[in-house]
Amino acid sequence: MWETMKDKLIETANQMYIDGMISDNQKHGLRLRVTKKLNPTRPEDFKYLTLAKADLNLMTRILANRINPWLTSILHPSQHCGMYVLSIFETMTTVREAIAYTE
């Protein structure tokens, strides 16, 4: 889909970061009602999802993927947020070790 959306995404990024302008659509989410059951009849049969800032989320993911190869050399070894090479288990182990060390 990149060929389809790249020009609009670049225009949006320039508007946000260079011009400092954020549209009303970017400030508010779109609320969707999704059915939990095949034939919903009650309000409990639905769940609600809010799609918010999809363009910003997409741009953030693209930027994160591009800088990921350099994160290990940029971040301090105790920082784990956004590092794909570490699993949640490795991060939890580090946190537990830090707590045990402090105690």
PDB file of N, CA and C in Angstrom:
ATOM      1  N   MET A   1       0.808  -1.208   0.000  1.00  0.00           N
ATOM      2  CA  MET A   1       0.000   0.000   0.000  1.00  0.00           C
ATOM      3  C   MET A   1       0.849   1.269   0.000  1.00  0.00           C
ATOM      4  N   TRP A   2       2.164   1.110   0.092  1.00  0.00           N
ATOM      5  CA  TRP A   2       3.020   2.288   0.210  1.00  0.00           C
ATOM      6  C   TRP A   2       2.853   3.235  -0.974  1.00  0.00           C
ATOM      7  N   GLU A   3       2.821   2.698  -2.184  1.00  0.00           N
ATOM      8  CA  GLU A   3       2.690   3.552  -3.361  1.00  0.00           C
ATOM      9  C   GLU A   3       1.388   4.346  -3.328  1.00  0.00           C
ATOM     10  N   THR A   4       0.364   3.772  -2.752  1.00  0.00           N
ATOM     11  CA  THR A   4      -0.933   4.444  -2.689  1.00  0.00           C
ATOM     12  C   THR A   4      -0.943   5.570  -1.673  1.00  0.00           C
ATOM     13  N   MET A   5      -0.289   5.378  -0.529  1.00  0.00           N
ATOM     14  CA  MET A   5      -0.433   6.346   0.548  1.00  0.00           C
ATOM     15  C   MET A   5       0.781   7.201   0.852  1.00  0.00           C
ATOM     16  N   LYS A   6       1.909   6.965   0.206  1.00  0.00           N
ATOM     17  CA  LYS A   6       3.122   7.672   0.607  1.00  0.00           C
ATOM     18  C   LYS A   6       3.017   9.192   0.464  1.00  0.00           C
ATOM     19  N   ASP A   7       2.425   9.685  -0.619  1.00  0.00           N
ATOM     20  CA  ASP A   7       2.339  11.137  -0.805  1.00  0.00           C
ATOM     21  C   ASP A   7       1.472  11.787   0.271  1.00  0.00           C
ATOM     22  N   LYS A   8       0.353  11.163   0.585  1.00  0.00           N
ATOM     23  CA  LYS A   8      -0.531  11.717   1.610  1.00  0.00           C
ATOM     24  C   LYS A   8       0.130  11.653   2.984  1.00  0.00           C
ATOM     25  N   LEU A   9       0.841  10.578   3.260  1.00  0.00           N
ATOM     26  CA  LEU A   9       1.515  10.428   4.541  1.00  0.00           C
ATOM     27  C   LEU A   9       2.639  11.456   4.695  1.00  0.00           C
ATOM     28  N   ILE A  10       3.387  11.686   3.628  1.00  0.00           N
ATOM     29  CA  ILE A  10       4.453  12.695   3.669  1.00  0.00           C
ATOM     30  C   ILE A  10       3.850  14.092   3.853  1.00  0.00           C
ATOM     31  N   GLU A  11       2.756  14.353   3.174  1.00  0.00           N
ATOM     32  CA  GLU A  11       2.071  15.646   3.323  1.00  0.00           C
ATOM     33  C   GLU A  11       1.600  15.837   4.769  1.00  0.00           C
ATOM     34  N   THR A  12       1.042  14.790   5.355  1.00  0.00           N
ATOM     35  CA  THR A  12       0.567  14.856   6.739  1.00  0.00           C
ATOM     36  C   THR A  12       1.729  15.061   7.702  1.00  0.00           C
ATOM     37  N   ALA A  13       2.825  14.350   7.484  1.00  0.00           N
ATOM     38  CA  ALA A  13       3.998  14.493   8.352  1.00  0.00           C
ATOM     39  C   ALA A  13       4.558  15.912   8.277  1.00  0.00           C
ATOM     40  N   ASN A  14       4.659  16.448   7.077  1.00  0.00           N
ATOM     41  CA  ASN A  14       5.148  17.822   6.921  1.00  0.00           C
ATOM     42  C   ASN A  14       4.229  18.820   7.604  1.00  0.00           C
ATOM     43  N   GLN A  15       2.935  18.594   7.476  1.00  0.00           N
ATOM     44  CA  GLN A  15       1.966  19.480   8.111  1.00  0.00           C
ATOM     45  C   GLN A  15       2.132  19.456   9.633  1.00  0.00           C
ATOM     46  N   MET A  16       2.346  18.265  10.189  1.00  0.00           N
ATOM     47  CA  MET A  16       2.449  18.140  11.636  1.00  0.00           C
ATOM     48  C   MET A  16       3.784  18.648  12.173  1.00  0.00           C
ATOM     49  N   TYR A  17       4.876  18.227  11.556  1.00  0.00           N
ATOM     50  CA  TYR A  17       6.189  18.509  12.127  1.00  0.00           C
ATOM     51  C   TYR A  17       6.823  19.808  11.640  1.00  0.00           C
ATOM     52  N   ILE A  18       6.578  20.183  10.408  1.00  0.00           N
ATOM     53  CA  ILE A  18       7.177  21.419   9.895  1.00  0.00           C
ATOM     54  C   ILE A  18       6.278  22.617  10.159  1.00  0.00           C
ATOM     55  N   ASP A  19       4.994  22.468   9.790  1.00  0.00           N
ATOM     56  CA  ASP A  19       4.049  23.578   9.950  1.00  0.00           C
ATOM     57  C   ASP A  19       3.458  23.647  11.348  1.00  0.00           C
ATOM     58  N   GLY A  20       3.564  22.569  12.127  1.00  0.00           N
ATOM     59  CA  GLY A  20       2.999  22.550  13.474  1.00  0.00           C
ATOM     60  C   GLY A  20       1.479  22.517  13.486  1.00  0.00           C
ATOM     61  N   MET A  21       0.885  21.992  12.428  1.00  0.00           N
ATOM     62  CA  MET A  21      -0.577  21.968  12.327  1.00  0.00           C
ATOM     63  C   MET A  21      -1.096  20.536  12.497  1.00  0.00           C
ATOM     64  N   ILE A  22      -2.105  20.393  13.329  1.00  0.00           N
ATOM     65  CA  ILE A  22      -2.768  19.106  13.510  1.00  0.00           C
ATOM     66  C   ILE A  22      -4.248  19.322  13.215  1.00  0.00           C
ATOM     67  N   SER A  23      -4.782  18.484  12.349  1.00  0.00           N
ATOM     68  CA  SER A  23      -6.192  18.643  11.966  1.00  0.00           C
ATOM     69  C   SER A  23      -7.109  18.135  13.074  1.00  0.00           C
ATOM     70  N   ASP A  24      -8.384  18.525  12.999  1.00  0.00           N
ATOM     71  CA  ASP A  24      -9.360  18.058  13.973  1.00  0.00           C
ATOM     72  C   ASP A  24      -9.505  16.540  13.934  1.00  0.00           C
ATOM     73  N   ASN A  25      -9.383  15.956  12.749  1.00  0.00           N
ATOM     74  CA  ASN A  25      -9.477  14.502  12.630  1.00  0.00           C
ATOM     75  C   ASN A  25      -8.364  13.797  13.393  1.00  0.00           C
ATOM     76  N   GLN A  26      -7.196  14.433  13.496  1.00  0.00           N
ATOM     77  CA  GLN A  26      -6.085  13.828  14.216  1.00  0.00           C
ATOM     78  C   GLN A  26      -6.247  13.967  15.728  1.00  0.00           C
ATOM     79  N   LYS A  27      -7.064  14.901  16.161  1.00  0.00           N
ATOM     80  CA  LYS A  27      -7.279  15.120  17.586  1.00  0.00           C
ATOM     81  C   LYS A  27      -8.367  14.225  18.162  1.00  0.00           C
ATOM     82  N   HIS A  28      -9.215  13.702  17.321  1.00  0.00           N
ATOM     83  CA  HIS A  28     -10.353  12.911  17.775  1.00  0.00           C
ATOM     84  C   HIS A  28     -10.296  11.520  17.167  1.00  0.00           C
ATOM     85  N   GLY A  29     -10.906  10.576  17.852  1.00  0.00           N
ATOM     86  CA  GLY A  29     -10.935   9.208  17.357  1.00  0.00           C
ATOM     87  C   GLY A  29     -12.249   8.893  16.668  1.00  0.00           C
ATOM     88  N   LEU A  30     -12.230   7.822  15.925  1.00  0.00           N
ATOM     89  CA  LEU A  30     -13.421   7.321  15.265  1.00  0.00           C
ATOM     90  C   LEU A  30     -13.857   6.089  16.040  1.00  0.00           C
ATOM     91  N   ARG A  31     -15.073   6.124  16.576  1.00  0.00           N
ATOM     92  CA  ARG A  31     -15.561   5.021  17.396  1.00  0.00           C
ATOM     93  C   ARG A  31     -16.338   4.032  16.544  1.00  0.00           C
ATOM     94  N   LEU A  32     -15.939   2.776  16.637  1.00  0.00           N
ATOM     95  CA  LEU A  32     -16.577   1.718  15.873  1.00  0.00           C
ATOM     96  C   LEU A  32     -17.275   0.745  16.805  1.00  0.00           C
ATOM     97  N   ARG A  33     -18.415   0.238  16.370  1.00  0.00           N
ATOM     98  CA  ARG A  33     -19.130  -0.779  17.133  1.00  0.00           C
ATOM     99  C   ARG A  33     -18.929  -2.108  16.423  1.00  0.00           C
ATOM    100  N   VAL A  34     -18.337  -3.055  17.128  1.00  0.00           N
ATOM    101  CA  VAL A  34     -18.032  -4.356  16.558  1.00  0.00           C
ATOM    102  C   VAL A  34     -18.845  -5.407  17.314  1.00  0.00           C
ATOM    103  N   THR A  35     -19.437  -6.322  16.574  1.00  0.00           N
ATOM    104  CA  THR A  35     -20.255  -7.345  17.233  1.00  0.00           C
ATOM    105  C   THR A  35     -19.389  -8.441  17.817  1.00  0.00           C
ATOM    106  N   LYS A  36     -19.798  -8.922  18.994  1.00  0.00           N
ATOM    107  CA  LYS A  36     -19.131 -10.048  19.633  1.00  0.00           C
ATOM    108  C   LYS A  36     -19.788 -11.365  19.227  1.00  0.00           C
ATOM    109  N   LYS A  37     -21.073 -11.286  18.898  1.00  0.00           N
ATOM    110  CA  LYS A  37     -21.851 -12.477  18.540  1.00  0.00           C
ATOM    111  C   LYS A  37     -22.305 -12.400  17.099  1.00  0.00           C
ATOM    112  N   LEU A  38     -22.777 -13.520  16.594  1.00  0.00           N
ATOM    113  CA  LEU A  38     -23.250 -13.583  15.218  1.00  0.00           C
ATOM    114  C   LEU A  38     -24.518 -12.757  15.002  1.00  0.00           C
ATOM    115  N   ASN A  39     -25.483 -12.867  15.904  1.00  0.00           N
ATOM    116  CA  ASN A  39     -26.738 -12.107  15.822  1.00  0.00           C
ATOM    117  C   ASN A  39     -26.925 -11.290  17.087  1.00  0.00           C
ATOM    118  N   PRO A  40     -26.320 -10.133  17.173  1.00  0.00           N
ATOM    119  CA  PRO A  40     -26.402  -9.340  18.404  1.00  0.00           C
ATOM    120  C   PRO A  40     -27.810  -8.779  18.629  1.00  0.00           C
ATOM    121  N   THR A  41     -28.241  -8.814  19.888  1.00  0.00           N
ATOM    122  CA  THR A  41     -29.558  -8.272  20.228  1.00  0.00           C
ATOM    123  C   THR A  41     -29.491  -7.308  21.404  1.00  0.00           C
ATOM    124  N   ARG A  42     -28.423  -7.357  22.194  1.00  0.00           N
ATOM    125  CA  ARG A  42     -28.298  -6.503  23.377  1.00  0.00           C
ATOM    126  C   ARG A  42     -27.032  -5.661  23.281  1.00  0.00           C
ATOM    127  N   PRO A  43     -26.972  -4.574  24.034  1.00  0.00           N
ATOM    128  CA  PRO A  43     -25.758  -3.748  24.015  1.00  0.00           C
ATOM    129  C   PRO A  43     -24.505  -4.527  24.431  1.00  0.00           C
ATOM    130  N   GLU A  44     -24.675  -5.518  25.318  1.00  0.00           N
ATOM    131  CA  GLU A  44     -23.529  -6.311  25.770  1.00  0.00           C
ATOM    132  C   GLU A  44     -22.941  -7.174  24.657  1.00  0.00           C
ATOM    133  N   ASP A  45     -23.685  -7.326  23.560  1.00  0.00           N
ATOM    134  CA  ASP A  45     -23.220  -8.150  22.441  1.00  0.00           C
ATOM    135  C   ASP A  45     -22.250  -7.392  21.528  1.00  0.00           C
ATOM    136  N   PHE A  46     -21.970  -6.150  21.868  1.00  0.00           N
ATOM    137  CA  PHE A  46     -21.065  -5.320  21.073  1.00  0.00           C
ATOM    138  C   PHE A  46     -19.865  -4.909  21.901  1.00  0.00           C
ATOM    139  N   LYS A  47     -18.774  -4.668  21.225  1.00  0.00           N
ATOM    140  CA  LYS A  47     -17.631  -4.015  21.856  1.00  0.00           C
ATOM    141  C   LYS A  47     -17.294  -2.791  21.026  1.00  0.00           C
ATOM    142  N   TYR A  48     -16.722  -1.816  21.660  1.00  0.00           N
ATOM    143  CA  TYR A  48     -16.423  -0.565  20.982  1.00  0.00           C
ATOM    144  C   TYR A  48     -14.924  -0.392  20.840  1.00  0.00           C
ATOM    145  N   LEU A  49     -14.500  -0.007  19.668  1.00  0.00           N
ATOM    146  CA  LEU A  49     -13.101   0.273  19.387  1.00  0.00           C
ATOM    147  C   LEU A  49     -12.988   1.727  18.959  1.00  0.00           C
ATOM    148  N   THR A  50     -11.932   2.362  19.366  1.00  0.00           N
ATOM    149  CA  THR A  50     -11.687   3.733  18.938  1.00  0.00           C
ATOM    150  C   THR A  50     -10.423   3.753  18.094  1.00  0.00           C
ATOM    151  N   LEU A  51     -10.569   4.208  16.866  1.00  0.00           N
ATOM    152  CA  LEU A  51      -9.414   4.377  15.985  1.00  0.00           C
ATOM    153  C   LEU A  51      -8.970   5.822  16.126  1.00  0.00           C
ATOM    154  N   ALA A  52      -7.823   6.004  16.720  1.00  0.00           N
ATOM    155  CA  ALA A  52      -7.342   7.357  16.960  1.00  0.00           C
ATOM    156  C   ALA A  52      -5.941   7.514  16.402  1.00  0.00           C
ATOM    157  N   LYS A  53      -5.701   8.618  15.787  1.00  0.00           N
ATOM    158  CA  LYS A  53      -4.376   9.001  15.310  1.00  0.00           C
ATOM    159  C   LYS A  53      -3.704   7.912  14.489  1.00  0.00           C
ATOM    160  N   ALA A  54      -4.430   7.321  13.567  1.00  0.00           N
ATOM    161  CA  ALA A  54      -3.878   6.230  12.761  1.00  0.00           C
ATOM    162  C   ALA A  54      -2.669   6.691  11.955  1.00  0.00           C
ATOM    163  N   ASP A  55      -2.712   7.906  11.409  1.00  0.00           N
ATOM    164  CA  ASP A  55      -1.573   8.392  10.626  1.00  0.00           C
ATOM    165  C   ASP A  55      -0.346   8.586  11.499  1.00  0.00           C
ATOM    166  N   LEU A  56      -0.546   9.111  12.698  1.00  0.00           N
ATOM    167  CA  LEU A  56       0.576   9.296  13.620  1.00  0.00           C
ATOM    168  C   LEU A  56       1.143   7.949  14.060  1.00  0.00           C
ATOM    169  N   ASN A  57       0.267   6.983  14.343  1.00  0.00           N
ATOM    170  CA  ASN A  57       0.733   5.648  14.724  1.00  0.00           C
ATOM    171  C   ASN A  57       1.524   4.998  13.598  1.00  0.00           C
ATOM    172  N   LEU A  58       1.068   5.158  12.377  1.00  0.00           N
ATOM    173  CA  LEU A  58       1.767   4.582  11.231  1.00  0.00           C
ATOM    174  C   LEU A  58       3.139   5.223  11.050  1.00  0.00           C
ATOM    175  N   MET A  59       3.205   6.544  11.151  1.00  0.00           N
ATOM    176  CA  MET A  59       4.490   7.230  11.008  1.00  0.00           C
ATOM    177  C   MET A  59       5.451   6.844  12.129  1.00  0.00           C
ATOM    178  N   THR A  60       4.924   6.701  13.336  1.00  0.00           N
ATOM    179  CA  THR A  60       5.757   6.305  14.463  1.00  0.00           C
ATOM    180  C   THR A  60       6.331   4.914  14.252  1.00  0.00           C
ATOM    181  N   ARG A  61       5.518   4.003  13.744  1.00  0.00           N
ATOM    182  CA  ARG A  61       5.984   2.632  13.476  1.00  0.00           C
ATOM    183  C   ARG A  61       7.068   2.627  12.394  1.00  0.00           C
ATOM    184  N   ILE A  62       6.870   3.428  11.352  1.00  0.00           N
ATOM    185  CA  ILE A  62       7.875   3.501  10.280  1.00  0.00           C
ATOM    186  C   ILE A  62       9.194   4.040  10.829  1.00  0.00           C
ATOM    187  N   LEU A  63       9.128   5.117  11.611  1.00  0.00           N
ATOM    188  CA  LEU A  63      10.345   5.686  12.183  1.00  0.00           C
ATOM    189  C   LEU A  63      11.016   4.710  13.148  1.00  0.00           C
ATOM    190  N   ALA A  64      10.222   4.027  13.963  1.00  0.00           N
ATOM    191  CA  ALA A  64      10.786   3.066  14.911  1.00  0.00           C
ATOM    192  C   ALA A  64      11.495   1.939  14.178  1.00  0.00           C
ATOM    193  N   ASN A  65      10.911   1.459  13.103  1.00  0.00           N
ATOM    194  CA  ASN A  65      11.549   0.392  12.328  1.00  0.00           C
ATOM    195  C   ASN A  65      12.848   0.860  11.686  1.00  0.00           C
ATOM    196  N   ARG A  66      12.887   2.134  11.300  1.00  0.00           N
ATOM    197  CA  ARG A  66      14.101   2.644  10.649  1.00  0.00           C
ATOM    198  C   ARG A  66      15.248   2.871  11.625  1.00  0.00           C
ATOM    199  N   ILE A  67      14.949   3.275  12.872  1.00  0.00           N
ATOM    200  CA  ILE A  67      16.035   3.533  13.828  1.00  0.00           C
ATOM    201  C   ILE A  67      16.372   2.307  14.671  1.00  0.00           C
ATOM    202  N   ASN A  68      15.572   1.266  14.571  1.00  0.00           N
ATOM    203  CA  ASN A  68      15.782   0.080  15.393  1.00  0.00           C
ATOM    204  C   ASN A  68      17.198  -0.500  15.321  1.00  0.00           C
ATOM    205  N   PRO A  69      17.836  -0.561  14.137  1.00  0.00           N
ATOM    206  CA  PRO A  69      19.194  -1.131  14.089  1.00  0.00           C
ATOM    207  C   PRO A  69      20.215  -0.380  14.950  1.00  0.00           C
ATOM    208  N   TRP A  70      19.971   0.878  15.257  1.00  0.00           N
ATOM    209  CA  TRP A  70      20.928   1.679  16.023  1.00  0.00           C
ATOM    210  C   TRP A  70      20.553   1.822  17.493  1.00  0.00           C
ATOM    211  N   LEU A  71      19.409   1.323  17.900  1.00  0.00           N
ATOM    212  CA  LEU A  71      18.952   1.531  19.273  1.00  0.00           C
ATOM    213  C   LEU A  71      19.911   0.974  20.314  1.00  0.00           C
ATOM    214  N   THR A  72      20.467  -0.194  20.067  1.00  0.00           N
ATOM    215  CA  THR A  72      21.355  -0.780  21.077  1.00  0.00           C
ATOM    216  C   THR A  72      22.601   0.080  21.316  1.00  0.00           C
ATOM    217  N   SER A  73      23.028   0.830  20.313  1.00  0.00           N
ATOM    218  CA  SER A  73      24.198   1.688  20.519  1.00  0.00           C
ATOM    219  C   SER A  73      23.815   3.074  21.050  1.00  0.00           C
ATOM    220  N   ILE A  74      22.555   3.457  20.908  1.00  0.00           N
ATOM    221  CA  ILE A  74      22.104   4.774  21.366  1.00  0.00           C
ATOM    222  C   ILE A  74      21.607   4.732  22.807  1.00  0.00           C
ATOM    223  N   LEU A  75      20.806   3.717  23.142  1.00  0.00           N
ATOM    224  CA  LEU A  75      20.177   3.649  24.454  1.00  0.00           C
ATOM    225  C   LEU A  75      21.110   3.066  25.507  1.00  0.00           C
ATOM    226  N   HIS A  76      20.867   3.460  26.720  1.00  0.00           N
ATOM    227  CA  HIS A  76      21.597   2.899  27.857  1.00  0.00           C
ATOM    228  C   HIS A  76      21.153   1.442  28.026  1.00  0.00           C
ATOM    229  N   PRO A  77      22.055   0.557  28.467  1.00  0.00           N
ATOM    230  CA  PRO A  77      21.688  -0.867  28.605  1.00  0.00           C
ATOM    231  C   PRO A  77      20.472  -1.115  29.494  1.00  0.00           C
ATOM    232  N   SER A  78      20.155  -0.183  30.397  1.00  0.00           N
ATOM    233  CA  SER A  78      18.998  -0.389  31.274  1.00  0.00           C
ATOM    234  C   SER A  78      17.682   0.013  30.608  1.00  0.00           C
ATOM    235  N   GLN A  79      17.742   0.627  29.441  1.00  0.00           N
ATOM    236  CA  GLN A  79      16.527   1.029  28.736  1.00  0.00           C
ATOM    237  C   GLN A  79      16.080  -0.096  27.804  1.00  0.00           C
ATOM    238  N   HIS A  80      14.816  -0.461  27.902  1.00  0.00           N
ATOM    239  CA  HIS A  80      14.303  -1.575  27.116  1.00  0.00           C
ATOM    240  C   HIS A  80      13.153  -1.191  26.207  1.00  0.00           C
ATOM    241  N   CYS A  81      12.561  -0.047  26.410  1.00  0.00           N
ATOM    242  CA  CYS A  81      11.360   0.336  25.663  1.00  0.00           C
ATOM    243  C   CYS A  81      11.660   0.444  24.171  1.00  0.00           C
ATOM    244  N   GLY A  82      10.866  -0.238  23.369  1.00  0.00           N
ATOM    245  CA  GLY A  82      10.980  -0.146  21.930  1.00  0.00           C
ATOM    246  C   GLY A  82      12.062  -0.995  21.301  1.00  0.00           C
ATOM    247  N   MET A  83      12.750  -1.787  22.091  1.00  0.00           N
ATOM    248  CA  MET A  83      13.817  -2.616  21.546  1.00  0.00           C
ATOM    249  C   MET A  83      13.258  -3.977  21.178  1.00  0.00           C
ATOM    250  N   TYR A  84      13.243  -4.282  19.891  1.00  0.00           N
ATOM    251  CA  TYR A  84      12.662  -5.522  19.409  1.00  0.00           C
ATOM    252  C   TYR A  84      13.512  -6.744  19.727  1.00  0.00           C
ATOM    253  N   VAL A  85      14.780  -6.524  20.006  1.00  0.00           N
ATOM    254  CA  VAL A  85      15.654  -7.666  20.271  1.00  0.00           C
ATOM    255  C   VAL A  85      15.401  -8.266  21.646  1.00  0.00           C
ATOM    256  N   LEU A  86      14.753  -7.516  22.519  1.00  0.00           N
ATOM    257  CA  LEU A  86      14.473  -7.999  23.862  1.00  0.00           C
ATOM    258  C   LEU A  86      13.025  -8.433  23.981  1.00  0.00           C
ATOM    259  N   SER A  87      12.801  -9.531  24.637  1.00  0.00           N
ATOM    260  CA  SER A  87      11.429  -9.974  24.871  1.00  0.00           C
ATOM    261  C   SER A  87      10.957  -9.421  26.208  1.00  0.00           C
ATOM    262  N   ILE A  88       9.687  -9.549  26.476  1.00  0.00           N
ATOM    263  CA  ILE A  88       9.139  -9.098  27.755  1.00  0.00           C
ATOM    264  C   ILE A  88       9.759  -9.883  28.905  1.00  0.00           C
ATOM    265  N   PHE A  89      10.115 -11.134  28.645  1.00  0.00           N
ATOM    266  CA  PHE A  89      10.710 -11.960  29.694  1.00  0.00           C
ATOM    267  C   PHE A  89      12.102 -11.455  30.070  1.00  0.00           C
ATOM    268  N   GLU A  90      12.890 -11.055  29.073  1.00  0.00           N
ATOM    269  CA  GLU A  90      14.212 -10.497  29.355  1.00  0.00           C
ATOM    270  C   GLU A  90      14.084  -9.189  30.140  1.00  0.00           C
ATOM    271  N   THR A  91      13.113  -8.385  29.766  1.00  0.00           N
ATOM    272  CA  THR A  91      12.898  -7.120  30.459  1.00  0.00           C
ATOM    273  C   THR A  91      12.457  -7.361  31.895  1.00  0.00           C
ATOM    274  N   MET A  92      11.542  -8.297  32.104  1.00  0.00           N
ATOM    275  CA  MET A  92      11.079  -8.611  33.458  1.00  0.00           C
ATOM    276  C   MET A  92      12.222  -9.147  34.318  1.00  0.00           C
ATOM    277  N   THR A  93      13.088  -9.943  33.727  1.00  0.00           N
ATOM    278  CA  THR A  93      14.246 -10.463  34.459  1.00  0.00           C
ATOM    279  C   THR A  93      15.136  -9.312  34.910  1.00  0.00           C
ATOM    280  N   THR A  94      15.357  -8.352  34.036  1.00  0.00           N
ATOM    281  CA  THR A  94      16.179  -7.193  34.389  1.00  0.00           C
ATOM    282  C   THR A  94      15.538  -6.394  35.513  1.00  0.00           C
ATOM    283  N   VAL A  95      14.225  -6.200  35.434  1.00  0.00           N
ATOM    284  CA  VAL A  95      13.510  -5.462  36.483  1.00  0.00           C
ATOM    285  C   VAL A  95      13.610  -6.205  37.814  1.00  0.00           C
ATOM    286  N   ARG A  96      13.404  -7.511  37.785  1.00  0.00           N
ATOM    287  CA  ARG A  96      13.488  -8.308  39.029  1.00  0.00           C
ATOM    288  C   ARG A  96      14.891  -8.258  39.613  1.00  0.00           C
ATOM    289  N   GLU A  97      15.899  -8.323  38.766  1.00  0.00           N
ATOM    290  CA  GLU A  97      17.270  -8.236  39.252  1.00  0.00           C
ATOM    291  C   GLU A  97      17.545  -6.880  39.898  1.00  0.00           C
ATOM    292  N   ALA A  98      16.996  -5.819  39.300  1.00  0.00           N
ATOM    293  CA  ALA A  98      17.178  -4.482  39.855  1.00  0.00           C
ATOM    294  C   ALA A  98      16.491  -4.357  41.212  1.00  0.00           C
ATOM    295  N   ILE A  99      15.291  -4.932  41.328  1.00  0.00           N
ATOM    296  CA  ILE A  99      14.575  -4.888  42.617  1.00  0.00           C
ATOM    297  C   ILE A  99      15.328  -5.680  43.668  1.00  0.00           C
ATOM    298  N   ALA A 100      15.789  -6.866  43.290  1.00  0.00           N
ATOM    299  CA  ALA A 100      16.546  -7.694  44.247  1.00  0.00           C
ATOM    300  C   ALA A 100      17.831  -6.991  44.680  1.00  0.00           C
ATOM    301  N   TYR A 101      18.488  -6.312  43.736  1.00  0.00           N
ATOM    302  CA  TYR A 101      19.721  -5.610  44.066  1.00  0.00           C
ATOM    303  C   TYR A 101      19.443  -4.470  45.052  1.00  0.00           C
ATOM    304  N   THR A 102      18.346  -3.751  44.849  1.00  0.00           N
ATOM    305  CA  THR A 102      18.030  -2.633  45.732  1.00  0.00           C
ATOM    306  C   THR A 102      17.623  -3.100  47.115  1.00  0.00           C
ATOM    307  N   GLU A 103      16.929  -4.234  47.159  1.00  0.00           N
ATOM    308  CA  GLU A 103      16.514  -4.748  48.476  1.00  0.00           C
ATOM    309  C   GLU A 103      17.733  -5.204  49.247  1.00  0.00           C
TER     310      GLU A 103
END
